[in-house]
Amino acid sequence: MIRLFVISFFFIAGLVIGNVVSADDTIKSETTVRSDGTMDTTINSPPPSAISPQISTSNSDLCTVGVAGAVQTQILGISAGRTVRDMNCEKLKNAKALYNMGMKVAAISTLCQDSRVFSAMLNAGTPCPYMGLVGDKARVAWEMEEVKETIEREQNNPMRKIFNENVETKTGLGIIIATLAFLLAM
């Protein structure tokens, strides 16, 4: 619209200037037209595509999950996929197989490897089997195991080892700490 106005302005101005008669009756006509413009070209093409691999795990006997993904740019496309083992699914299948073979204690022991099942069994009054023991004998054995682990944890404490050694070690450690404190205070 603006270009049309500019062109018409120059055209009318040229007509007015061209009609001016000079002293020697000569008719002069001068016209200048300028046109500046830009052009954009858009090319529509289908985008490049990275197709992720299809990993089928529809077989109900597998304890795997398929994971796949793809990324595409204008230049490079990458796709990848893999399967991931579901350890809980494997544990349940193993327990079911043991139970179907008549090995009920082994099936329960397999499930008791999960801490949630272990706590649930203990809260229900039927503790998980311990080295072939079941019922109250297993409960007592688990309690003894917990006491044993607590004692081992306390005995393996490095600070306890330092302070349970002989008096000379305690004295030497006291001198070292006092010296360091004195040096820091200076």
C-alpha atoms as a PDB file:
ATOM      1  CA  MET A   1       0.000   0.000   0.000  1.00  0.00           C
ATOM      2  CA  ILE A   2       2.822   2.370   0.914  1.00  0.00           C
ATOM      3  CA  ARG A   3       4.729   1.412  -2.226  1.00  0.00           C
ATOM      4  CA  LEU A   4       1.698   2.200  -4.349  1.00  0.00           C
ATOM      5  CA  PHE A   5       1.420   5.610  -2.674  1.00  0.00           C
ATOM      6  CA  VAL A   6       5.128   6.357  -3.246  1.00  0.00           C
ATOM      7  CA  ILE A   7       4.945   5.305  -6.908  1.00  0.00           C
ATOM      8  CA  SER A   8       1.798   7.402  -7.478  1.00  0.00           C
ATOM      9  CA  PHE A   9       3.426  10.396  -5.742  1.00  0.00           C
ATOM     10  CA  PHE A  10       6.470  10.193  -7.994  1.00  0.00           C
ATOM     11  CA  PHE A  11       4.287   9.715 -11.051  1.00  0.00           C
ATOM     12  CA  ILE A  12       2.152  12.810 -10.282  1.00  0.00           C
ATOM     13  CA  ALA A  13       5.244  14.832  -9.360  1.00  0.00           C
ATOM     14  CA  GLY A  14       6.817  13.836 -12.647  1.00  0.00           C
ATOM     15  CA  LEU A  15       3.768  14.990 -14.529  1.00  0.00           C
ATOM     16  CA  VAL A  16       3.780  18.344 -12.764  1.00  0.00           C
ATOM     17  CA  ILE A  17       7.509  18.842 -13.309  1.00  0.00           C
ATOM     18  CA  GLY A  18       7.238  17.628 -16.915  1.00  0.00           C
ATOM     19  CA  ASN A  19       4.599  20.203 -17.738  1.00  0.00           C
ATOM     20  CA  VAL A  20       6.763  23.135 -16.684  1.00  0.00           C
ATOM     21  CA  VAL A  21       7.680  25.116 -19.743  1.00  0.00           C
ATOM     22  CA  SER A  22      11.083  26.714 -19.788  1.00  0.00           C
ATOM     23  CA  ALA A  23      12.009  29.999 -21.373  1.00  0.00           C
ATOM     24  CA  ASP A  24      12.974  28.448 -24.675  1.00  0.00           C
ATOM     25  CA  ASP A  25       9.669  26.524 -24.914  1.00  0.00           C
ATOM     26  CA  THR A  26      11.286  23.134 -24.321  1.00  0.00           C
ATOM     27  CA  ILE A  27       9.347  20.503 -22.414  1.00  0.00           C
ATOM     28  CA  LYS A  28      11.410  18.478 -19.953  1.00  0.00           C
ATOM     29  CA  SER A  29      10.229  15.324 -18.269  1.00  0.00           C
ATOM     30  CA  GLU A  30      12.203  13.429 -15.616  1.00  0.00           C
ATOM     31  CA  THR A  31      10.939  10.457 -13.659  1.00  0.00           C
ATOM     32  CA  THR A  32      12.780   8.352 -11.063  1.00  0.00           C
ATOM     33  CA  VAL A  33      11.238   5.197  -9.620  1.00  0.00           C
ATOM     34  CA  ARG A  34      12.933   3.175  -6.877  1.00  0.00           C
ATOM     35  CA  SER A  35      11.759  -0.159  -5.606  1.00  0.00           C
ATOM     36  CA  ASP A  36      13.325  -2.034  -2.658  1.00  0.00           C
ATOM     37  CA  GLY A  37      11.946  -5.333  -1.495  1.00  0.00           C
ATOM     38  CA  THR A  38      12.747  -8.655   0.090  1.00  0.00           C
ATOM     39  CA  MET A  39      11.500 -12.100  -0.696  1.00  0.00           C
ATOM     40  CA  ASP A  40      11.181 -15.055   1.676  1.00  0.00           C
ATOM     41  CA  THR A  41      10.946 -18.597   0.375  1.00  0.00           C
ATOM     42  CA  THR A  42       9.482 -21.324   2.559  1.00  0.00           C
ATOM     43  CA  ILE A  43      10.083 -24.951   1.609  1.00  0.00           C
ATOM     44  CA  ASN A  44       7.715 -27.423   3.197  1.00  0.00           C
ATOM     45  CA  SER A  45       9.143 -30.914   3.478  1.00  0.00           C
ATOM     46  CA  PRO A  46       8.384 -33.815   5.767  1.00  0.00           C
ATOM     47  CA  PRO A  47      10.460 -33.755   8.985  1.00  0.00           C
ATOM     48  CA  PRO A  48      13.192 -36.351   9.472  1.00  0.00           C
ATOM     49  CA  SER A  49      12.157 -39.074  11.868  1.00  0.00           C
ATOM     50  CA  ALA A  50      13.972 -41.308  14.317  1.00  0.00           C
ATOM     51  CA  ILE A  51      11.937 -44.413  14.974  1.00  0.00           C
ATOM     52  CA  SER A  52      12.528 -46.111  18.303  1.00  0.00           C
ATOM     53  CA  PRO A  53      12.807 -49.895  18.299  1.00  0.00           C
ATOM     54  CA  GLN A  54       9.802 -51.843  19.420  1.00  0.00           C
ATOM     55  CA  ILE A  55      10.561 -54.169  22.294  1.00  0.00           C
ATOM     56  CA  SER A  56       7.791 -56.636  22.815  1.00  0.00           C
ATOM     57  CA  THR A  57       7.440 -58.130  26.270  1.00  0.00           C
ATOM     58  CA  SER A  58       3.886 -59.297  25.926  1.00  0.00           C
ATOM     59  CA  ASN A  59       4.768 -62.836  26.986  1.00  0.00           C
ATOM     60  CA  SER A  60       3.453 -63.123  30.544  1.00  0.00           C
ATOM     61  CA  ASP A  61       6.240 -65.515  31.551  1.00  0.00           C
ATOM     62  CA  LEU A  62       8.945 -62.878  31.175  1.00  0.00           C
ATOM     63  CA  CYS A  63       9.912 -60.626  34.031  1.00  0.00           C
ATOM     64  CA  THR A  64      11.251 -57.851  31.853  1.00  0.00           C
ATOM     65  CA  VAL A  65      10.037 -54.411  30.851  1.00  0.00           C
ATOM     66  CA  GLY A  66      10.882 -52.835  27.512  1.00  0.00           C
ATOM     67  CA  VAL A  67      12.174 -49.267  27.459  1.00  0.00           C
ATOM     68  CA  ALA A  68      12.782 -47.401  24.189  1.00  0.00           C
ATOM     69  CA  GLY A  69      13.206 -43.821  23.065  1.00  0.00           C
ATOM     70  CA  ALA A  70      14.246 -41.659  20.129  1.00  0.00           C
ATOM     71  CA  VAL A  71      15.500 -38.117  19.544  1.00  0.00           C
ATOM     72  CA  GLN A  72      15.538 -36.366  16.177  1.00  0.00           C
ATOM     73  CA  THR A  73      17.095 -33.085  15.110  1.00  0.00           C
ATOM     74  CA  GLN A  74      17.322 -31.616  11.611  1.00  0.00           C
ATOM     75  CA  ILE A  75      20.686 -33.301  11.112  1.00  0.00           C
ATOM     76  CA  LEU A  76      20.921 -36.365  13.333  1.00  0.00           C
ATOM     77  CA  GLY A  77      18.470 -38.895  14.704  1.00  0.00           C
ATOM     78  CA  ILE A  78      19.226 -41.402  17.464  1.00  0.00           C
ATOM     79  CA  SER A  79      17.061 -44.207  18.800  1.00  0.00           C
ATOM     80  CA  ALA A  80      17.747 -46.861  21.422  1.00  0.00           C
ATOM     81  CA  GLY A  81      15.972 -49.536  23.385  1.00  0.00           C
ATOM     82  CA  ARG A  82      16.624 -52.208  25.977  1.00  0.00           C
ATOM     83  CA  THR A  83      14.928 -54.487  28.447  1.00  0.00           C
ATOM     84  CA  VAL A  84      15.046 -54.119  32.229  1.00  0.00           C
ATOM     85  CA  ARG A  85      14.708 -57.033  34.632  1.00  0.00           C
ATOM     86  CA  ASP A  86      11.908 -56.836  37.189  1.00  0.00           C
ATOM     87  CA  MET A  87      13.441 -58.489  40.253  1.00  0.00           C
ATOM     88  CA  ASN A  88      10.197 -58.432  42.256  1.00  0.00           C
ATOM     89  CA  CYS A  89       8.416 -60.291  39.449  1.00  0.00           C
ATOM     90  CA  GLU A  90      11.184 -62.909  39.449  1.00  0.00           C
ATOM     91  CA  LYS A  91      10.890 -63.325  43.224  1.00  0.00           C
ATOM     92  CA  LEU A  92       7.120 -63.849  42.962  1.00  0.00           C
ATOM     93  CA  LYS A  93       7.521 -66.390  40.138  1.00  0.00           C
ATOM     94  CA  ASN A  94      10.164 -68.302  42.105  1.00  0.00           C
ATOM     95  CA  ALA A  95       7.954 -68.375  45.208  1.00  0.00           C
ATOM     96  CA  LYS A  96       4.994 -69.594  43.135  1.00  0.00           C
ATOM     97  CA  ALA A  97       7.092 -72.329  41.524  1.00  0.00           C
ATOM     98  CA  LEU A  98       8.371 -73.505  44.936  1.00  0.00           C
ATOM     99  CA  TYR A  99       4.837 -73.465  46.362  1.00  0.00           C
ATOM    100  CA  ASN A 100       3.521 -75.497  43.388  1.00  0.00           C
ATOM    101  CA  MET A 101       6.256 -78.089  44.021  1.00  0.00           C
ATOM    102  CA  GLY A 102       5.035 -78.497  47.600  1.00  0.00           C
ATOM    103  CA  MET A 103       7.932 -76.572  49.153  1.00  0.00           C
ATOM    104  CA  LYS A 104       5.801 -74.115  51.129  1.00  0.00           C
ATOM    105  CA  VAL A 105       8.469 -73.128  53.682  1.00  0.00           C
ATOM    106  CA  ALA A 106      10.955 -72.368  50.882  1.00  0.00           C
ATOM    107  CA  ALA A 107       8.300 -70.320  49.062  1.00  0.00           C
ATOM    108  CA  ILE A 108       7.648 -68.242  52.191  1.00  0.00           C
ATOM    109  CA  SER A 109      11.406 -67.849  52.757  1.00  0.00           C
ATOM    110  CA  THR A 110      11.735 -66.500  49.227  1.00  0.00           C
ATOM    111  CA  LEU A 111       9.016 -63.927  49.861  1.00  0.00           C
ATOM    112  CA  CYS A 112      10.540 -63.025  53.248  1.00  0.00           C
ATOM    113  CA  GLN A 113      13.586 -61.574  51.448  1.00  0.00           C
ATOM    114  CA  ASP A 114      11.420 -58.474  51.009  1.00  0.00           C
ATOM    115  CA  SER A 115      11.525 -56.422  54.240  1.00  0.00           C
ATOM    116  CA  ARG A 116       7.835 -55.509  53.899  1.00  0.00           C
ATOM    117  CA  VAL A 117       6.815 -59.166  53.798  1.00  0.00           C
ATOM    118  CA  PHE A 118       9.193 -59.923  56.696  1.00  0.00           C
ATOM    119  CA  SER A 119       7.566 -57.210  58.850  1.00  0.00           C
ATOM    120  CA  ALA A 120       4.060 -58.284  57.851  1.00  0.00           C
ATOM    121  CA  MET A 121       4.764 -61.910  58.765  1.00  0.00           C
ATOM    122  CA  LEU A 122       6.247 -60.863  62.123  1.00  0.00           C
ATOM    123  CA  ASN A 123       3.272 -58.578  62.863  1.00  0.00           C
ATOM    124  CA  ALA A 124       0.858 -61.385  61.981  1.00  0.00           C
ATOM    125  CA  GLY A 125       2.462 -63.653  64.601  1.00  0.00           C
ATOM    126  CA  THR A 126       3.900 -66.021  61.989  1.00  0.00           C
ATOM    127  CA  PRO A 127       7.588 -65.093  61.651  1.00  0.00           C
ATOM    128  CA  CYS A 128       9.580 -66.022  58.586  1.00  0.00           C
ATOM    129  CA  PRO A 129      11.446 -69.344  58.726  1.00  0.00           C
ATOM    130  CA  TYR A 130      15.013 -69.249  60.073  1.00  0.00           C
ATOM    131  CA  MET A 131      17.424 -72.022  59.072  1.00  0.00           C
ATOM    132  CA  GLY A 132      14.612 -74.572  58.897  1.00  0.00           C
ATOM    133  CA  LEU A 133      12.940 -73.387  62.115  1.00  0.00           C
ATOM    134  CA  VAL A 134       9.312 -72.274  61.979  1.00  0.00           C
ATOM    135  CA  GLY A 135       6.846 -70.720  64.423  1.00  0.00           C
ATOM    136  CA  ASP A 136       8.050 -69.633  67.883  1.00  0.00           C
ATOM    137  CA  LYS A 137      11.461 -71.231  67.408  1.00  0.00           C
ATOM    138  CA  ALA A 138      11.996 -69.090  64.293  1.00  0.00           C
ATOM    139  CA  ARG A 139      10.847 -65.960  66.158  1.00  0.00           C
ATOM    140  CA  VAL A 140      13.363 -66.585  68.967  1.00  0.00           C
ATOM    141  CA  ALA A 141      16.117 -67.280  66.413  1.00  0.00           C
ATOM    142  CA  TRP A 142      15.360 -64.008  64.575  1.00  0.00           C
ATOM    143  CA  GLU A 143      15.452 -62.091  67.877  1.00  0.00           C
ATOM    144  CA  MET A 144      18.817 -63.681  68.726  1.00  0.00           C
ATOM    145  CA  GLU A 145      20.083 -62.740  65.235  1.00  0.00           C
ATOM    146  CA  GLU A 146      19.051 -59.127  65.826  1.00  0.00           C
ATOM    147  CA  VAL A 147      20.853 -59.037  69.202  1.00  0.00           C
ATOM    148  CA  LYS A 148      23.938 -60.587  67.600  1.00  0.00           C
ATOM    149  CA  GLU A 149      23.963 -57.949  64.827  1.00  0.00           C
ATOM    150  CA  THR A 150      23.592 -55.155  67.398  1.00  0.00           C
ATOM    151  CA  ILE A 151      26.551 -56.464  69.421  1.00  0.00           C
ATOM    152  CA  GLU A 152      28.693 -56.784  66.269  1.00  0.00           C
ATOM    153  CA  ARG A 153      27.769 -53.260  65.180  1.00  0.00           C
ATOM    154  CA  GLU A 154      28.782 -51.855  68.592  1.00  0.00           C
ATOM    155  CA  GLN A 155      32.034 -53.840  68.666  1.00  0.00           C
ATOM    156  CA  ASN A 156      33.019 -52.658  65.184  1.00  0.00           C
ATOM    157  CA  ASN A 157      32.529 -48.986  66.064  1.00  0.00           C
ATOM    158  CA  PRO A 158      35.951 -47.333  65.451  1.00  0.00           C
ATOM    159  CA  MET A 159      35.589 -44.798  68.295  1.00  0.00           C
ATOM    160  CA  ARG A 160      34.790 -47.586  70.735  1.00  0.00           C
ATOM    161  CA  LYS A 161      37.934 -49.425  69.660  1.00  0.00           C
ATOM    162  CA  ILE A 162      40.069 -46.351  70.347  1.00  0.00           C
ATOM    163  CA  PHE A 163      38.697 -45.789  73.852  1.00  0.00           C
ATOM    164  CA  ASN A 164      38.590 -49.459  74.869  1.00  0.00           C
ATOM    165  CA  GLU A 165      42.328 -49.964  74.351  1.00  0.00           C
ATOM    166  CA  ASN A 166      44.914 -49.594  77.106  1.00  0.00           C
ATOM    167  CA  VAL A 167      45.545 -46.493  79.226  1.00  0.00           C
ATOM    168  CA  GLU A 168      48.747 -45.520  77.409  1.00  0.00           C
ATOM    169  CA  THR A 169      46.822 -45.099  74.153  1.00  0.00           C
ATOM    170  CA  LYS A 170      44.248 -42.894  75.879  1.00  0.00           C
ATOM    171  CA  THR A 171      47.010 -40.763  77.411  1.00  0.00           C
ATOM    172  CA  GLY A 172      48.816 -40.407  74.070  1.00  0.00           C
ATOM    173  CA  LEU A 173      45.560 -39.478  72.326  1.00  0.00           C
ATOM    174  CA  GLY A 174      44.850 -36.885  75.053  1.00  0.00           C
ATOM    175  CA  ILE A 175      48.293 -35.303  74.595  1.00  0.00           C
ATOM    176  CA  ILE A 176      47.839 -35.114  70.813  1.00  0.00           C
ATOM    177  CA  ILE A 177      44.407 -33.493  71.117  1.00  0.00           C
ATOM    178  CA  ALA A 178      45.671 -31.002  73.736  1.00  0.00           C
ATOM    179  CA  THR A 179      48.634 -30.060  71.515  1.00  0.00           C
ATOM    180  CA  LEU A 180      46.387 -29.495  68.511  1.00  0.00           C
ATOM    181  CA  ALA A 181      44.024 -27.365  70.588  1.00  0.00           C
ATOM    182  CA  PHE A 182      46.964 -25.281  71.861  1.00  0.00           C
ATOM    183  CA  LEU A 183      48.272 -24.763  68.323  1.00  0.00           C
ATOM    184  CA  LEU A 184      44.858 -23.712  67.081  1.00  0.00           C
ATOM    185  CA  ALA A 185      44.461 -21.250  69.957  1.00  0.00           C
ATOM    186  CA  MET A 186      47.715 -19.465  69.070  1.00  0.00           C
END
